[in-house]
C-alpha atoms as a PDB file:
ATOM      1  CA  UNK A   1       0.098  -0.108  -0.015  1.00  0.00           C
ATOM      2  CA  UNK A   2       2.364   2.513   1.197  1.00  0.00           C
ATOM      3  CA  UNK A   3       4.946   1.667  -2.327  1.00  0.00           C
ATOM      4  CA  UNK A   4       1.775   2.584  -4.664  1.00  0.00           C
ATOM      5  CA  UNK A   5       1.351   5.698  -2.483  1.00  0.00           C
ATOM      6  CA  UNK A   6       4.738   6.759  -3.139  1.00  0.00           C
ATOM      7  CA  UNK A   7       4.725   5.244  -6.922  1.00  0.00           C
ATOM      8  CA  UNK A   8       1.671   7.652  -7.696  1.00  0.00           C
ATOM      9  CA  UNK A   9       3.353  10.634  -5.626  1.00  0.00           C
ATOM     10  CA  UNK A  10       6.486   9.735  -7.864  1.00  0.00           C
ATOM     11  CA  UNK A  11       4.812   9.813 -10.928  1.00  0.00           C
ATOM     12  CA  UNK A  12       3.035  12.939 -10.365  1.00  0.00           C
ATOM     13  CA  UNK A  13       5.788  14.730  -9.351  1.00  0.00           C
ATOM     14  CA  UNK A  14       7.319  13.495 -12.429  1.00  0.00           C
ATOM     15  CA  UNK A  15       4.580  14.483 -14.683  1.00  0.00           C
ATOM     16  CA  UNK A  16       4.249  17.952 -13.220  1.00  0.00           C
ATOM     17  CA  UNK A  17       8.028  18.582 -13.930  1.00  0.00           C
ATOM     18  CA  UNK A  18       7.196  17.677 -17.309  1.00  0.00           C
ATOM     19  CA  UNK A  19       4.735  19.930 -18.011  1.00  0.00           C
ATOM     20  CA  UNK A  20       6.500  23.015 -16.323  1.00  0.00           C
ATOM     21  CA  UNK A  21       9.095  21.849 -19.445  1.00  0.00           C
ATOM     22  CA  UNK A  22       6.823  22.271 -22.308  1.00  0.00           C
ATOM     23  CA  UNK A  23       5.104  25.384 -21.633  1.00  0.00           C
ATOM     24  CA  UNK A  24       8.567  27.380 -22.800  1.00  0.00           C
ATOM     25  CA  UNK A  25       7.441  30.937 -21.947  1.00  0.00           C
ATOM     26  CA  UNK A  26      10.154  32.745 -23.182  1.00  0.00           C
ATOM     27  CA  UNK A  27      10.249  30.905 -26.384  1.00  0.00           C
ATOM     28  CA  UNK A  28       6.330  31.934 -26.723  1.00  0.00           C
ATOM     29  CA  UNK A  29       7.406  35.317 -26.478  1.00  0.00           C
ATOM     30  CA  UNK A  30       9.999  35.462 -29.135  1.00  0.00           C
ATOM     31  CA  UNK A  31       7.863  34.047 -31.317  1.00  0.00           C
ATOM     32  CA  UNK A  32       5.359  36.319 -30.786  1.00  0.00           C
ATOM     33  CA  UNK A  33       7.666  39.106 -31.094  1.00  0.00           C
ATOM     34  CA  UNK A  34       9.097  37.769 -34.617  1.00  0.00           C
ATOM     35  CA  UNK A  35       5.143  37.903 -35.602  1.00  0.00           C
ATOM     36  CA  UNK A  36       5.434  41.902 -34.008  1.00  0.00           C
ATOM     37  CA  UNK A  37       7.938  42.129 -36.058  1.00  0.00           C
ATOM     38  CA  UNK A  38       7.460  40.972 -39.349  1.00  0.00           C
ATOM     39  CA  UNK A  39       3.978  42.670 -39.041  1.00  0.00           C
ATOM     40  CA  UNK A  40       5.554  45.468 -38.635  1.00  0.00           C
ATOM     41  CA  UNK A  41       7.855  45.110 -41.405  1.00  0.00           C
ATOM     42  CA  UNK A  42       4.712  44.269 -43.644  1.00  0.00           C
ATOM     43  CA  UNK A  43       3.643  47.589 -42.429  1.00  0.00           C
ATOM     44  CA  UNK A  44       6.423  49.354 -43.203  1.00  0.00           C
ATOM     45  CA  UNK A  45       6.840  48.083 -46.562  1.00  0.00           C
ATOM     46  CA  UNK A  46       3.288  48.758 -47.235  1.00  0.00           C
ATOM     47  CA  UNK A  47       3.490  52.360 -46.454  1.00  0.00           C
ATOM     48  CA  UNK A  48       7.159  52.435 -48.109  1.00  0.00           C
ATOM     49  CA  UNK A  49       5.405  51.334 -51.093  1.00  0.00           C
ATOM     50  CA  UNK A  50       2.409  53.784 -50.850  1.00  0.00           C
ATOM     51  CA  UNK A  51       5.439  56.239 -50.494  1.00  0.00           C
ATOM     52  CA  UNK A  52       6.536  55.547 -53.494  1.00  0.00           C
ATOM     53  CA  UNK A  53       3.475  55.153 -55.401  1.00  0.00           C
ATOM     54  CA  UNK A  54       2.777  58.833 -54.206  1.00  0.00           C
ATOM     55  CA  UNK A  55       5.848  59.840 -54.860  1.00  0.00           C
ATOM     56  CA  UNK A  56       6.068  58.343 -58.542  1.00  0.00           C
ATOM     57  CA  UNK A  57       2.190  60.015 -58.797  1.00  0.00           C
ATOM     58  CA  UNK A  58       3.551  63.370 -57.773  1.00  0.00           C
ATOM     59  CA  UNK A  59       6.269  62.953 -60.246  1.00  0.00           C
ATOM     60  CA  UNK A  60       3.960  62.347 -62.771  1.00  0.00           C
ATOM     61  CA  UNK A  61       1.977  65.196 -61.824  1.00  0.00           C
ATOM     62  CA  UNK A  62       5.448  67.359 -61.273  1.00  0.00           C
ATOM     63  CA  UNK A  63       6.121  66.215 -64.878  1.00  0.00           C
ATOM     64  CA  UNK A  64       3.650  66.436 -66.598  1.00  0.00           C
ATOM     65  CA  UNK A  65       3.187  70.429 -65.053  1.00  0.00           C
ATOM     66  CA  UNK A  66       6.703  70.916 -66.075  1.00  0.00           C
ATOM     67  CA  UNK A  67       5.834  69.410 -69.756  1.00  0.00           C
ATOM     68  CA  UNK A  68       2.550  71.506 -69.755  1.00  0.00           C
ATOM     69  CA  UNK A  69       4.921  74.497 -68.878  1.00  0.00           C
ATOM     70  CA  UNK A  70       7.738  73.630 -71.225  1.00  0.00           C
ATOM     71  CA  UNK A  71       5.032  73.246 -74.336  1.00  0.00           C
ATOM     72  CA  UNK A  72       3.427  77.014 -73.416  1.00  0.00           C
ATOM     73  CA  UNK A  73       6.914  78.048 -73.485  1.00  0.00           C
ATOM     74  CA  UNK A  74       7.894  77.111 -76.471  1.00  0.00           C
ATOM     75  CA  UNK A  75       4.049  77.758 -77.793  1.00  0.00           C
ATOM     76  CA  UNK A  76       5.287  81.485 -77.265  1.00  0.00           C
ATOM     77  CA  UNK A  77       8.480  81.568 -78.419  1.00  0.00           C
ATOM     78  CA  UNK A  78       7.481  80.139 -81.690  1.00  0.00           C
ATOM     79  CA  UNK A  79       4.792  82.809 -81.910  1.00  0.00           C
ATOM     80  CA  UNK A  80       6.981  85.339 -81.379  1.00  0.00           C
ATOM     81  CA  UNK A  81       9.131  84.084 -83.816  1.00  0.00           C
ATOM     82  CA  UNK A  82       6.861  84.126 -86.226  1.00  0.00           C
ATOM     83  CA  UNK A  83       5.420  87.595 -85.980  1.00  0.00           C
ATOM     84  CA  UNK A  84       9.304  88.426 -85.865  1.00  0.00           C
ATOM     85  CA  UNK A  85       9.529  86.662 -88.642  1.00  0.00           C
ATOM     86  CA  UNK A  86       6.131  88.245 -90.129  1.00  0.00           C
ATOM     87  CA  UNK A  87       7.580  91.501 -89.381  1.00  0.00           C
ATOM     88  CA  UNK A  88      10.762  91.028 -90.887  1.00  0.00           C
ATOM     89  CA  UNK A  89       9.232  89.720 -94.104  1.00  0.00           C
ATOM     90  CA  UNK A  90       7.318  93.369 -94.693  1.00  0.00           C
ATOM     91  CA  UNK A  91       8.637  95.351 -98.124  1.00  0.00           C
ATOM     92  CA  UNK A  92       6.781  98.145 -99.562  1.00  0.00           C
ATOM     93  CA  UNK A  93       6.235 102.012 -99.379  1.00  0.00           C
ATOM     94  CA  UNK A  94       5.434 103.152 -95.537  1.00  0.00           C
ATOM     95  CA  UNK A  95       5.891  98.834 -94.255  1.00  0.00           C
ATOM     96  CA  UNK A  96       8.029  99.582 -91.095  1.00  0.00           C
ATOM     97  CA  UNK A  97       8.538  96.673 -90.053  1.00  0.00           C
ATOM     98  CA  UNK A  98      12.099  95.338 -88.467  1.00  0.00           C
ATOM     99  CA  UNK A  99      15.546  96.465 -90.572  1.00  0.00           C
ATOM    100  CA  UNK A 100      18.542  94.738 -90.638  1.00  0.00           C
ATOM    101  CA  UNK A 101      20.084  96.325 -87.358  1.00  0.00           C
ATOM    102  CA  UNK A 102      17.224  95.176 -85.064  1.00  0.00           C
ATOM    103  CA  UNK A 103      14.873  98.053 -84.646  1.00  0.00           C
ATOM    104  CA  UNK A 104      11.312  97.906 -84.930  1.00  0.00           C
ATOM    105  CA  UNK A 105       8.629  99.706 -85.947  1.00  0.00           C
ATOM    106  CA  UNK A 106       8.173 101.974 -82.367  1.00  0.00           C
ATOM    107  CA  UNK A 107      12.196 102.775 -82.386  1.00  0.00           C
ATOM    108  CA  UNK A 108      13.727 105.130 -83.387  1.00  0.00           C
ATOM    109  CA  UNK A 109      15.205 104.675 -87.302  1.00  0.00           C
ATOM    110  CA  UNK A 110      18.247 107.124 -86.697  1.00  0.00           C
ATOM    111  CA  UNK A 111      20.702 107.475 -83.939  1.00  0.00           C
ATOM    112  CA  UNK A 112      24.102 109.591 -83.853  1.00  0.00           C
ATOM    113  CA  UNK A 113      25.970 106.726 -83.880  1.00  0.00           C
ATOM    114  CA  UNK A 114      24.725 104.528 -85.597  1.00  0.00           C
ATOM    115  CA  UNK A 115      23.637 106.950 -88.193  1.00  0.00           C
ATOM    116  CA  UNK A 116      20.203 106.244 -90.877  1.00  0.00           C
ATOM    117  CA  UNK A 117      18.441 102.747 -90.748  1.00  0.00           C
ATOM    118  CA  UNK A 118      18.664 101.143 -94.409  1.00  0.00           C
ATOM    119  CA  UNK A 119      15.647 101.961 -96.932  1.00  0.00           C
ATOM    120  CA  UNK A 120      14.043 105.276 -97.939  1.00  0.00           C
ATOM    121  CA  UNK A 121      14.028 108.285 -96.149  1.00  0.00           C
ATOM    122  CA  UNK A 122      11.697 111.459 -97.637  1.00  0.00           C
ATOM    123  CA  UNK A 123      13.529 114.641 -97.119  1.00  0.00           C
ATOM    124  CA  UNK A 124      11.472 117.878 -96.565  1.00  0.00           C
ATOM    125  CA  UNK A 125      13.241 121.056 -98.154  1.00  0.00           C
ATOM    126  CA  UNK A 126      12.315 124.318 -99.109  1.00  0.00           C
ATOM    127  CA  UNK A 127      13.748 124.291-102.565  1.00  0.00           C
ATOM    128  CA  UNK A 128      12.357 120.550-102.749  1.00  0.00           C
ATOM    129  CA  UNK A 129      11.773 117.695-101.786  1.00  0.00           C
ATOM    130  CA  UNK A 130      14.120 115.120-102.353  1.00  0.00           C
ATOM    131  CA  UNK A 131      14.525 111.160-101.743  1.00  0.00           C
ATOM    132  CA  UNK A 132      17.771 109.271 -99.992  1.00  0.00           C
ATOM    133  CA  UNK A 133      18.395 105.611 -99.880  1.00  0.00           C
ATOM    134  CA  UNK A 134      20.337 104.367 -97.433  1.00  0.00           C
ATOM    135  CA  UNK A 135      22.122 100.835 -97.323  1.00  0.00           C
ATOM    136  CA  UNK A 136      24.197  99.432 -94.240  1.00  0.00           C
ATOM    137  CA  UNK A 137      27.485  99.284 -95.700  1.00  0.00           C
ATOM    138  CA  UNK A 138      27.604 103.393 -96.004  1.00  0.00           C
ATOM    139  CA  UNK A 139      26.709 104.193 -99.912  1.00  0.00           C
ATOM    140  CA  UNK A 140      22.940 105.298-100.929  1.00  0.00           C
ATOM    141  CA  UNK A 141      21.669 107.192-104.013  1.00  0.00           C
ATOM    142  CA  UNK A 142      19.569 110.766-103.978  1.00  0.00           C
ATOM    143  CA  UNK A 143      16.425 111.275-105.666  1.00  0.00           C
ATOM    144  CA  UNK A 144      15.105 115.108-106.840  1.00  0.00           C
ATOM    145  CA  UNK A 145      11.222 115.348-106.176  1.00  0.00           C
ATOM    146  CA  UNK A 146      11.518 118.452-109.601  1.00  0.00           C
ATOM    147  CA  UNK A 147      13.139 116.336-112.158  1.00  0.00           C
ATOM    148  CA  UNK A 148      13.874 112.326-111.007  1.00  0.00           C
ATOM    149  CA  UNK A 149      17.706 113.243-111.055  1.00  0.00           C
ATOM    150  CA  UNK A 150      19.396 110.826-109.466  1.00  0.00           C
ATOM    151  CA  UNK A 151      22.734 110.603-107.423  1.00  0.00           C
ATOM    152  CA  UNK A 152      25.407 108.628-105.769  1.00  0.00           C
ATOM    153  CA  UNK A 153      26.842 109.092-102.478  1.00  0.00           C
ATOM    154  CA  UNK A 154      28.665 107.279 -99.598  1.00  0.00           C
ATOM    155  CA  UNK A 155      28.475 108.615 -96.181  1.00  0.00           C
ATOM    156  CA  UNK A 156      29.359 108.395 -92.319  1.00  0.00           C
ATOM    157  CA  UNK A 157      29.107 109.712 -88.871  1.00  0.00           C
ATOM    158  CA  UNK A 158      31.225 111.511 -87.300  1.00  0.00           C
ATOM    159  CA  UNK A 159      31.092 113.856 -83.874  1.00  0.00           C
ATOM    160  CA  UNK A 160      27.326 114.292 -84.450  1.00  0.00           C
ATOM    161  CA  UNK A 161      27.621 115.071 -88.338  1.00  0.00           C
ATOM    162  CA  UNK A 162      26.461 113.229 -91.357  1.00  0.00           C
ATOM    163  CA  UNK A 163      29.700 113.120 -93.680  1.00  0.00           C
ATOM    164  CA  UNK A 164      28.419 113.433 -97.784  1.00  0.00           C
ATOM    165  CA  UNK A 165      30.560 112.481-100.740  1.00  0.00           C
ATOM    166  CA  UNK A 166      27.992 113.152-103.530  1.00  0.00           C
ATOM    167  CA  UNK A 167      28.610 111.770-106.887  1.00  0.00           C
ATOM    168  CA  UNK A 168      27.174 113.692-109.351  1.00  0.00           C
ATOM    169  CA  UNK A 169      25.585 116.868-108.020  1.00  0.00           C
ATOM    170  CA  UNK A 170      22.466 118.058-110.147  1.00  0.00           C
ATOM    171  CA  UNK A 171      24.330 120.787-111.783  1.00  0.00           C
ATOM    172  CA  UNK A 172      27.090 118.200-112.953  1.00  0.00           C
ATOM    173  CA  UNK A 173      29.766 118.679-110.324  1.00  0.00           C
ATOM    174  CA  UNK A 174      30.652 116.314-107.101  1.00  0.00           C
ATOM    175  CA  UNK A 175      30.212 117.114-103.885  1.00  0.00           C
ATOM    176  CA  UNK A 176      31.666 117.154-100.148  1.00  0.00           C
ATOM    177  CA  UNK A 177      30.168 118.147 -97.116  1.00  0.00           C
ATOM    178  CA  UNK A 178      29.277 117.894 -93.466  1.00  0.00           C
ATOM    179  CA  UNK A 179      25.547 118.210 -92.376  1.00  0.00           C
ATOM    180  CA  UNK A 180      24.828 118.698 -88.529  1.00  0.00           C
ATOM    181  CA  UNK A 181      22.766 115.602 -87.883  1.00  0.00           C
ATOM    182  CA  UNK A 182      20.166 116.089 -85.222  1.00  0.00           C
ATOM    183  CA  UNK A 183      16.975 113.371 -83.676  1.00  0.00           C
ATOM    184  CA  UNK A 184      13.621 114.265 -84.372  1.00  0.00           C
ATOM    185  CA  UNK A 185      11.260 111.812 -83.460  1.00  0.00           C
ATOM    186  CA  UNK A 186      11.589 108.678 -85.795  1.00  0.00           C
ATOM    187  CA  UNK A 187      13.684 110.709 -88.200  1.00  0.00           C
ATOM    188  CA  UNK A 188      16.200 113.057 -88.499  1.00  0.00           C
ATOM    189  CA  UNK A 189      16.930 117.190 -89.360  1.00  0.00           C
ATOM    190  CA  UNK A 190      19.844 117.723 -91.380  1.00  0.00           C
ATOM    191  CA  UNK A 191      21.651 120.958 -91.672  1.00  0.00           C
ATOM    192  CA  UNK A 192      24.191 121.461 -94.349  1.00  0.00           C
ATOM    193  CA  UNK A 193      27.563 122.961 -94.222  1.00  0.00           C
ATOM    194  CA  UNK A 194      28.047 124.385 -97.533  1.00  0.00           C
ATOM    195  CA  UNK A 195      25.121 126.578 -98.107  1.00  0.00           C
ATOM    196  CA  UNK A 196      23.157 125.975 -95.208  1.00  0.00           C
ATOM    197  CA  UNK A 197      19.920 124.516 -96.219  1.00  0.00           C
ATOM    198  CA  UNK A 198      18.113 122.183 -93.619  1.00  0.00           C
ATOM    199  CA  UNK A 199      16.633 118.757 -94.505  1.00  0.00           C
ATOM    200  CA  UNK A 200      14.121 117.083 -92.580  1.00  0.00           C
ATOM    201  CA  UNK A 201      14.686 113.495 -93.496  1.00  0.00           C
ATOM    202  CA  UNK A 202      11.612 110.587 -92.778  1.00  0.00           C
ATOM    203  CA  UNK A 203      11.450 106.977 -92.848  1.00  0.00           C
ATOM    204  CA  UNK A 204       9.746 105.530 -95.353  1.00  0.00           C
ATOM    205  CA  UNK A 205      10.351 101.756 -95.130  1.00  0.00           C
ATOM    206  CA  UNK A 206      12.922  99.084 -95.577  1.00  0.00           C
ATOM    207  CA  UNK A 207      13.161  99.247 -99.598  1.00  0.00           C
ATOM    208  CA  UNK A 208      15.495  99.986-102.550  1.00  0.00           C
ATOM    209  CA  UNK A 209      14.627 102.431-105.135  1.00  0.00           C
ATOM    210  CA  UNK A 210      13.816  99.475-107.643  1.00  0.00           C
ATOM    211  CA  UNK A 211      10.723  98.852-105.056  1.00  0.00           C
ATOM    212  CA  UNK A 212      10.092 102.616-104.484  1.00  0.00           C
ATOM    213  CA  UNK A 213       7.744 104.698-107.232  1.00  0.00           C
ATOM    214  CA  UNK A 214       7.124 108.231-107.031  1.00  0.00           C
ATOM    215  CA  UNK A 215       6.158 110.487-110.252  1.00  0.00           C
ATOM    216  CA  UNK A 216       8.583 113.778-110.432  1.00  0.00           C
ATOM    217  CA  UNK A 217       7.668 117.258-110.670  1.00  0.00           C
ATOM    218  CA  UNK A 218       8.390 117.393-114.863  1.00  0.00           C
ATOM    219  CA  UNK A 219       6.562 113.893-115.236  1.00  0.00           C
ATOM    220  CA  UNK A 220       3.482 115.113-113.948  1.00  0.00           C
ATOM    221  CA  UNK A 221       3.560 118.166-115.778  1.00  0.00           C
ATOM    222  CA  UNK A 222       3.392 116.542-118.783  1.00  0.00           C
ATOM    223  CA  UNK A 223       1.267 114.259-117.726  1.00  0.00           C
ATOM    224  CA  UNK A 224      -1.985 116.776-116.811  1.00  0.00           C
ATOM    225  CA  UNK A 225      -1.466 118.997-120.133  1.00  0.00           C
ATOM    226  CA  UNK A 226      -1.604 115.675-121.739  1.00  0.00           C
ATOM    227  CA  UNK A 227      -5.105 114.543-119.278  1.00  0.00           C
ATOM    228  CA  UNK A 228      -6.240 117.760-119.936  1.00  0.00           C
ATOM    229  CA  UNK A 229      -6.031 117.462-123.937  1.00  0.00           C
ATOM    230  CA  UNK A 230      -7.419 114.213-123.731  1.00  0.00           C
ATOM    231  CA  UNK A 231     -10.781 115.061-121.316  1.00  0.00           C
ATOM    232  CA  UNK A 232     -11.620 118.127-123.439  1.00  0.00           C
ATOM    233  CA  UNK A 233     -13.895 118.574-126.936  1.00  0.00           C
ATOM    234  CA  UNK A 234     -11.428 120.746-128.524  1.00  0.00           C
ATOM    235  CA  UNK A 235      -8.153 118.997-127.068  1.00  0.00           C
ATOM    236  CA  UNK A 236      -7.008 122.857-125.830  1.00  0.00           C
ATOM    237  CA  UNK A 237      -3.841 122.182-123.737  1.00  0.00           C
ATOM    238  CA  UNK A 238      -3.129 124.888-121.277  1.00  0.00           C
ATOM    239  CA  UNK A 239      -0.273 127.658-122.008  1.00  0.00           C
ATOM    240  CA  UNK A 240       1.467 126.976-118.405  1.00  0.00           C
ATOM    241  CA  UNK A 241       1.532 124.916-115.712  1.00  0.00           C
ATOM    242  CA  UNK A 242       2.796 125.332-112.390  1.00  0.00           C
ATOM    243  CA  UNK A 243       3.779 122.928-109.714  1.00  0.00           C
ATOM    244  CA  UNK A 244       3.333 123.582-106.157  1.00  0.00           C
ATOM    245  CA  UNK A 245       4.013 121.677-103.402  1.00  0.00           C
ATOM    246  CA  UNK A 246       1.310 121.606-100.434  1.00  0.00           C
ATOM    247  CA  UNK A 247       2.252 122.122 -96.471  1.00  0.00           C
ATOM    248  CA  UNK A 248       1.237 118.531 -95.651  1.00  0.00           C
ATOM    249  CA  UNK A 249       0.872 114.936 -97.560  1.00  0.00           C
ATOM    250  CA  UNK A 250       1.797 113.415-100.662  1.00  0.00           C
ATOM    251  CA  UNK A 251      -0.114 115.398-103.240  1.00  0.00           C
ATOM    252  CA  UNK A 252       1.617 117.322-105.946  1.00  0.00           C
ATOM    253  CA  UNK A 253      -0.662 120.969-106.827  1.00  0.00           C
ATOM    254  CA  UNK A 254      -0.804 121.311-110.318  1.00  0.00           C
ATOM    255  CA  UNK A 255      -2.265 124.880-111.390  1.00  0.00           C
ATOM    256  CA  UNK A 256      -3.038 124.737-115.446  1.00  0.00           C
ATOM    257  CA  UNK A 257      -3.659 128.775-116.319  1.00  0.00           C
ATOM    258  CA  UNK A 258      -3.189 131.108-119.356  1.00  0.00           C
ATOM    259  CA  UNK A 259      -2.096 134.405-119.120  1.00  0.00           C
ATOM    260  CA  UNK A 260      -4.914 136.632-120.820  1.00  0.00           C
ATOM    261  CA  UNK A 261      -3.159 140.577-120.834  1.00  0.00           C
ATOM    262  CA  UNK A 262      -2.504 140.956-117.026  1.00  0.00           C
ATOM    263  CA  UNK A 263      -5.245 137.745-115.870  1.00  0.00           C
ATOM    264  CA  UNK A 264      -4.510 134.576-115.037  1.00  0.00           C
ATOM    265  CA  UNK A 265      -7.284 132.449-116.197  1.00  0.00           C
ATOM    266  CA  UNK A 266      -7.237 129.678-114.551  1.00  0.00           C
ATOM    267  CA  UNK A 267      -8.283 126.492-116.166  1.00  0.00           C
ATOM    268  CA  UNK A 268      -7.845 123.865-113.914  1.00  0.00           C
ATOM    269  CA  UNK A 269      -6.500 122.676-110.421  1.00  0.00           C
ATOM    270  CA  UNK A 270      -5.090 119.422-110.020  1.00  0.00           C
ATOM    271  CA  UNK A 271      -4.356 117.693-106.033  1.00  0.00           C
ATOM    272  CA  UNK A 272      -2.005 114.674-106.877  1.00  0.00           C
ATOM    273  CA  UNK A 273      -0.768 111.764-105.198  1.00  0.00           C
ATOM    274  CA  UNK A 274       2.931 111.568-105.711  1.00  0.00           C
ATOM    275  CA  UNK A 275       2.744 108.281-105.818  1.00  0.00           C
ATOM    276  CA  UNK A 276      -0.079 106.838-107.414  1.00  0.00           C
ATOM    277  CA  UNK A 277      -0.232 109.796-110.134  1.00  0.00           C
ATOM    278  CA  UNK A 278      -4.330 109.928-108.621  1.00  0.00           C
ATOM    279  CA  UNK A 279      -6.019 112.487-107.343  1.00  0.00           C
ATOM    280  CA  UNK A 280      -8.993 115.251-108.038  1.00  0.00           C
ATOM    281  CA  UNK A 281      -9.262 117.694-109.963  1.00  0.00           C
ATOM    282  CA  UNK A 282     -10.945 121.595-108.505  1.00  0.00           C
ATOM    283  CA  UNK A 283     -14.083 120.610-108.869  1.00  0.00           C
ATOM    284  CA  UNK A 284     -13.362 117.325-106.874  1.00  0.00           C
ATOM    285  CA  UNK A 285     -13.639 115.079-109.576  1.00  0.00           C
ATOM    286  CA  UNK A 286     -11.424 111.963-109.107  1.00  0.00           C
ATOM    287  CA  UNK A 287      -8.901 111.793-111.999  1.00  0.00           C
ATOM    288  CA  UNK A 288      -5.706 109.490-112.998  1.00  0.00           C
ATOM    289  CA  UNK A 289      -2.903 111.027-114.923  1.00  0.00           C
ATOM    290  CA  UNK A 290      -1.463 107.799-115.609  1.00  0.00           C
ATOM    291  CA  UNK A 291      -3.921 106.955-117.905  1.00  0.00           C
ATOM    292  CA  UNK A 292      -2.677 110.098-120.178  1.00  0.00           C
ATOM    293  CA  UNK A 293      -0.113 107.984-122.057  1.00  0.00           C
ATOM    294  CA  UNK A 294      -2.988 105.491-122.740  1.00  0.00           C
ATOM    295  CA  UNK A 295      -4.385 107.577-125.845  1.00  0.00           C
END
């Protein structure tokens, strides 16, 4: 009986010791920590992936924004270049546009340091209008409204003066002269040393005499006489014709008249645009002197 009891107590103690060994609380905590660490790692990876996706999306947005901005800038640049090209391509009377020196129509075309922008300049002078063609190489041509006479020249800017050397003066004599130059708006005023006369030059356009047309006074007189003859029943031609210059504008005033004793008998007045040959008579009828040579 005692042996049986002792055996039972011993077995119970052994079983209790084995149960204590199988609990492994430390191992259980370690396993739990591993699970937590893995969960935290998975969470961090997930967060990092989401952050990466957000960053990628943000980069795409920034990239798209940058592309849009660049596209807008390129479009504006092309637009500006296109407008400049259009302006630079303008040629013709009073066209303005960009000059060879890069100055635009809103800027002065004359400067004491650089001289005259290339093209045609209209010179207003008390003794009669003239037209200058300036080139970028310091050469040019001058034509007279009175008779269309043309003479070549060279010029340079020195100490606020334009120094000219004309190849053939109106009287057939070559001439070297200086003219004090002053800026005036979009043009210039020249005061010549040789005789003190003054010319006011106004820029007309970046064109040459090959593209520039005007009717000189002698041509207009002949055209006016012939036009009058063709447009009256008798074929009469007035004896006298005076060419007068108006104060402003493109018109040339043509006075057709006869002298009867001490009296001037006006036949007609023509007001003609020097560049087109068209205008009106004293009765406000529209006329075209360029048809006079057509019979």
